[in-house]
């Protein structure tokens, strides 16, 4: 069942990208705590960044702090 879910997810992502007519294919990045697990079942994933959201929040906080100095 799990493998079927991953295959359907991959097909769905691919179809969505094609339907948008983006020209060049985007880089697909798996994020979050289960990113490594999920990316293992999907060929379409090109990068894994489990802490991407946290790094973004840290960056915004740092920029805000630097701005208010």
N, C-alpha and C. Protein backbone atom coordinates (compact mmCIF):
# COMPACT_ATOMS: atom_id res chain seq x y z
N UNK A 1 0.81 -1.20 0.00
CA UNK A 1 0.00 0.00 0.00
C UNK A 1 0.86 1.26 0.00
N UNK A 2 1.88 1.29 0.84
CA UNK A 2 2.73 2.47 0.95
C UNK A 2 3.43 2.77 -0.38
N UNK A 3 3.93 1.74 -1.02
CA UNK A 3 4.60 1.93 -2.31
C UNK A 3 3.64 2.49 -3.34
N UNK A 4 2.41 2.02 -3.37
CA UNK A 4 1.40 2.51 -4.29
C UNK A 4 1.12 3.99 -4.04
N UNK A 5 1.07 4.39 -2.77
CA UNK A 5 0.85 5.79 -2.42
C UNK A 5 1.96 6.66 -3.00
N UNK A 6 3.22 6.23 -2.83
CA UNK A 6 4.34 7.00 -3.35
C UNK A 6 4.28 7.13 -4.86
N UNK A 7 3.93 6.04 -5.54
CA UNK A 7 3.85 6.10 -7.00
C UNK A 7 2.74 7.04 -7.45
N UNK A 8 1.61 7.02 -6.76
CA UNK A 8 0.52 7.93 -7.10
C UNK A 8 0.90 9.37 -6.82
N UNK A 9 1.61 9.61 -5.72
CA UNK A 9 2.06 10.96 -5.39
C UNK A 9 3.02 11.47 -6.46
N UNK A 10 3.93 10.62 -6.90
CA UNK A 10 4.89 11.02 -7.93
C UNK A 10 4.17 11.35 -9.23
N UNK A 11 3.22 10.53 -9.62
CA UNK A 11 2.44 10.80 -10.83
C UNK A 11 1.68 12.11 -10.69
N UNK A 12 1.11 12.36 -9.51
CA UNK A 12 0.36 13.59 -9.29
C UNK A 12 1.23 14.83 -9.39
N UNK A 13 2.42 14.77 -8.81
CA UNK A 13 3.35 15.90 -8.89
C UNK A 13 3.75 16.15 -10.34
N UNK A 14 4.09 15.08 -11.04
CA UNK A 14 4.51 15.20 -12.44
C UNK A 14 3.39 15.80 -13.29
N UNK A 15 2.15 15.33 -13.10
CA UNK A 15 1.02 15.84 -13.86
C UNK A 15 0.75 17.31 -13.55
N UNK A 16 0.87 17.69 -12.29
CA UNK A 16 0.66 19.08 -11.89
C UNK A 16 1.68 19.99 -12.56
N UNK A 17 2.94 19.59 -12.55
CA UNK A 17 3.99 20.40 -13.17
C UNK A 17 3.75 20.53 -14.67
N UNK A 18 3.39 19.45 -15.32
CA UNK A 18 3.13 19.49 -16.76
C UNK A 18 1.92 20.38 -17.08
N UNK A 19 0.89 20.33 -16.24
CA UNK A 19 -0.32 21.10 -16.51
C UNK A 19 -0.09 22.60 -16.35
N UNK A 20 0.90 22.98 -15.58
CA UNK A 20 1.19 24.40 -15.35
C UNK A 20 2.01 25.01 -16.49
N UNK A 21 2.60 24.18 -17.33
CA UNK A 21 3.38 24.68 -18.45
C UNK A 21 4.51 25.60 -18.01
N UNK A 22 5.30 25.16 -17.07
CA UNK A 22 6.34 26.00 -16.49
C UNK A 22 7.56 26.17 -17.40
N UNK A 23 7.62 25.44 -18.46
CA UNK A 23 8.78 25.53 -19.35
C UNK A 23 9.85 24.55 -18.91
N UNK A 24 10.69 24.97 -17.99
CA UNK A 24 11.73 24.10 -17.45
C UNK A 24 11.16 23.35 -16.24
N UNK A 25 11.55 22.10 -16.09
CA UNK A 25 11.04 21.36 -14.93
C UNK A 25 11.61 21.95 -13.63
N UNK A 26 10.79 22.08 -12.61
CA UNK A 26 11.27 22.63 -11.34
C UNK A 26 12.10 21.60 -10.57
N UNK A 27 12.88 22.06 -9.62
CA UNK A 27 13.57 21.18 -8.70
C UNK A 27 12.60 20.82 -7.60
N UNK A 28 12.37 19.54 -7.37
CA UNK A 28 11.45 19.08 -6.35
C UNK A 28 12.26 18.76 -5.10
N UNK A 29 11.94 19.45 -3.99
CA UNK A 29 12.66 19.29 -2.73
C UNK A 29 11.70 18.73 -1.68
N UNK A 30 12.08 17.63 -1.05
CA UNK A 30 11.30 17.07 0.05
C UNK A 30 11.72 17.78 1.33
N UNK A 31 10.75 18.24 2.11
CA UNK A 31 11.04 18.95 3.34
C UNK A 31 10.27 18.31 4.50
N UNK A 32 10.70 18.60 5.70
CA UNK A 32 9.99 18.12 6.88
C UNK A 32 10.63 16.88 7.48
N UNK A 33 10.09 16.48 8.62
CA UNK A 33 10.66 15.38 9.38
C UNK A 33 10.68 14.04 8.67
N UNK A 34 9.73 13.79 7.78
CA UNK A 34 9.67 12.52 7.06
C UNK A 34 10.23 12.62 5.64
N UNK A 35 10.93 13.70 5.35
CA UNK A 35 11.42 13.93 3.99
C UNK A 35 12.31 12.79 3.48
N UNK A 36 13.19 12.31 4.33
CA UNK A 36 14.09 11.22 3.91
C UNK A 36 13.30 9.97 3.59
N UNK A 37 12.34 9.63 4.43
CA UNK A 37 11.51 8.45 4.21
C UNK A 37 10.71 8.57 2.92
N UNK A 38 10.07 9.70 2.73
CA UNK A 38 9.23 9.90 1.55
C UNK A 38 10.07 9.94 0.28
N UNK A 39 11.21 10.61 0.33
CA UNK A 39 12.03 10.73 -0.88
C UNK A 39 12.59 9.38 -1.32
N UNK A 40 12.73 8.46 -0.38
CA UNK A 40 13.23 7.12 -0.75
C UNK A 40 12.27 6.40 -1.68
N UNK A 41 10.99 6.76 -1.64
CA UNK A 41 10.00 6.09 -2.48
C UNK A 41 9.63 6.85 -3.74
N UNK A 42 10.23 8.02 -3.95
CA UNK A 42 9.88 8.84 -5.12
C UNK A 42 11.10 9.18 -5.95
N UNK A 43 11.07 8.85 -7.21
CA UNK A 43 12.19 9.17 -8.10
C UNK A 43 12.24 10.64 -8.47
N UNK A 44 11.12 11.34 -8.31
CA UNK A 44 11.04 12.73 -8.75
C UNK A 44 11.74 13.69 -7.78
N UNK A 45 11.99 13.27 -6.53
CA UNK A 45 12.63 14.10 -5.53
C UNK A 45 14.11 14.27 -5.89
N UNK A 46 14.56 15.52 -5.97
CA UNK A 46 15.95 15.79 -6.35
C UNK A 46 16.81 16.24 -5.17
N UNK A 47 16.18 16.68 -4.09
CA UNK A 47 16.93 17.12 -2.91
C UNK A 47 16.08 16.88 -1.67
N UNK A 48 16.76 16.67 -0.55
CA UNK A 48 16.09 16.49 0.73
C UNK A 48 16.62 17.55 1.70
N UNK A 49 15.72 18.34 2.25
CA UNK A 49 16.08 19.39 3.22
C UNK A 49 15.09 19.30 4.38
N UNK A 50 15.33 18.40 5.35
CA UNK A 50 14.36 18.21 6.43
C UNK A 50 14.10 19.47 7.26
N UNK A 51 15.09 20.35 7.36
CA UNK A 51 14.96 21.54 8.21
C UNK A 51 14.76 22.83 7.42
N UNK A 52 14.28 22.75 6.21
CA UNK A 52 14.16 23.93 5.36
C UNK A 52 13.28 25.01 5.98
N UNK A 53 12.14 24.65 6.53
CA UNK A 53 11.24 25.64 7.13
C UNK A 53 11.90 26.30 8.34
N UNK A 54 12.54 25.50 9.17
CA UNK A 54 13.21 26.07 10.34
C UNK A 54 14.35 27.00 9.94
N UNK A 55 15.09 26.62 8.92
CA UNK A 55 16.17 27.49 8.43
C UNK A 55 15.61 28.79 7.87
N UNK A 56 14.45 28.72 7.22
CA UNK A 56 13.81 29.92 6.70
C UNK A 56 13.36 30.85 7.81
N UNK A 57 12.78 30.27 8.86
CA UNK A 57 12.35 31.07 10.01
C UNK A 57 13.57 31.72 10.68
N UNK A 58 14.65 30.96 10.80
CA UNK A 58 15.87 31.50 11.39
C UNK A 58 16.41 32.66 10.54
N UNK A 59 16.40 32.50 9.25
CA UNK A 59 16.88 33.55 8.34
C UNK A 59 16.05 34.82 8.49
N UNK A 60 14.74 34.66 8.50
CA UNK A 60 13.85 35.83 8.64
C UNK A 60 14.08 36.51 9.98
N UNK A 61 14.22 35.73 11.04
CA UNK A 61 14.48 36.31 12.35
C UNK A 61 15.78 37.07 12.39
N UNK A 62 16.81 36.53 11.79
CA UNK A 62 18.11 37.19 11.75
C UNK A 62 18.05 38.47 10.93
N UNK A 63 17.37 38.43 9.78
CA UNK A 63 17.22 39.62 8.95
C UNK A 63 16.46 40.71 9.69
N UNK A 64 15.41 40.32 10.41
CA UNK A 64 14.62 41.28 11.18
C UNK A 64 15.47 41.88 12.29
N UNK A 65 16.24 41.06 12.96
CA UNK A 65 17.12 41.54 14.03
C UNK A 65 18.14 42.52 13.47
N UNK A 66 18.77 42.17 12.36
CA UNK A 66 19.78 43.05 11.75
C UNK A 66 19.16 44.37 11.28
N UNK A 67 17.92 44.32 10.80
CA UNK A 67 17.23 45.51 10.30
C UNK A 67 16.97 46.51 11.43
N UNK A 68 16.69 46.00 12.63
CA UNK A 68 16.31 46.85 13.75
C UNK A 68 17.51 47.30 14.60
N UNK A 69 18.72 47.03 14.17
CA UNK A 69 19.91 47.47 14.92
C UNK A 69 20.12 48.95 14.77
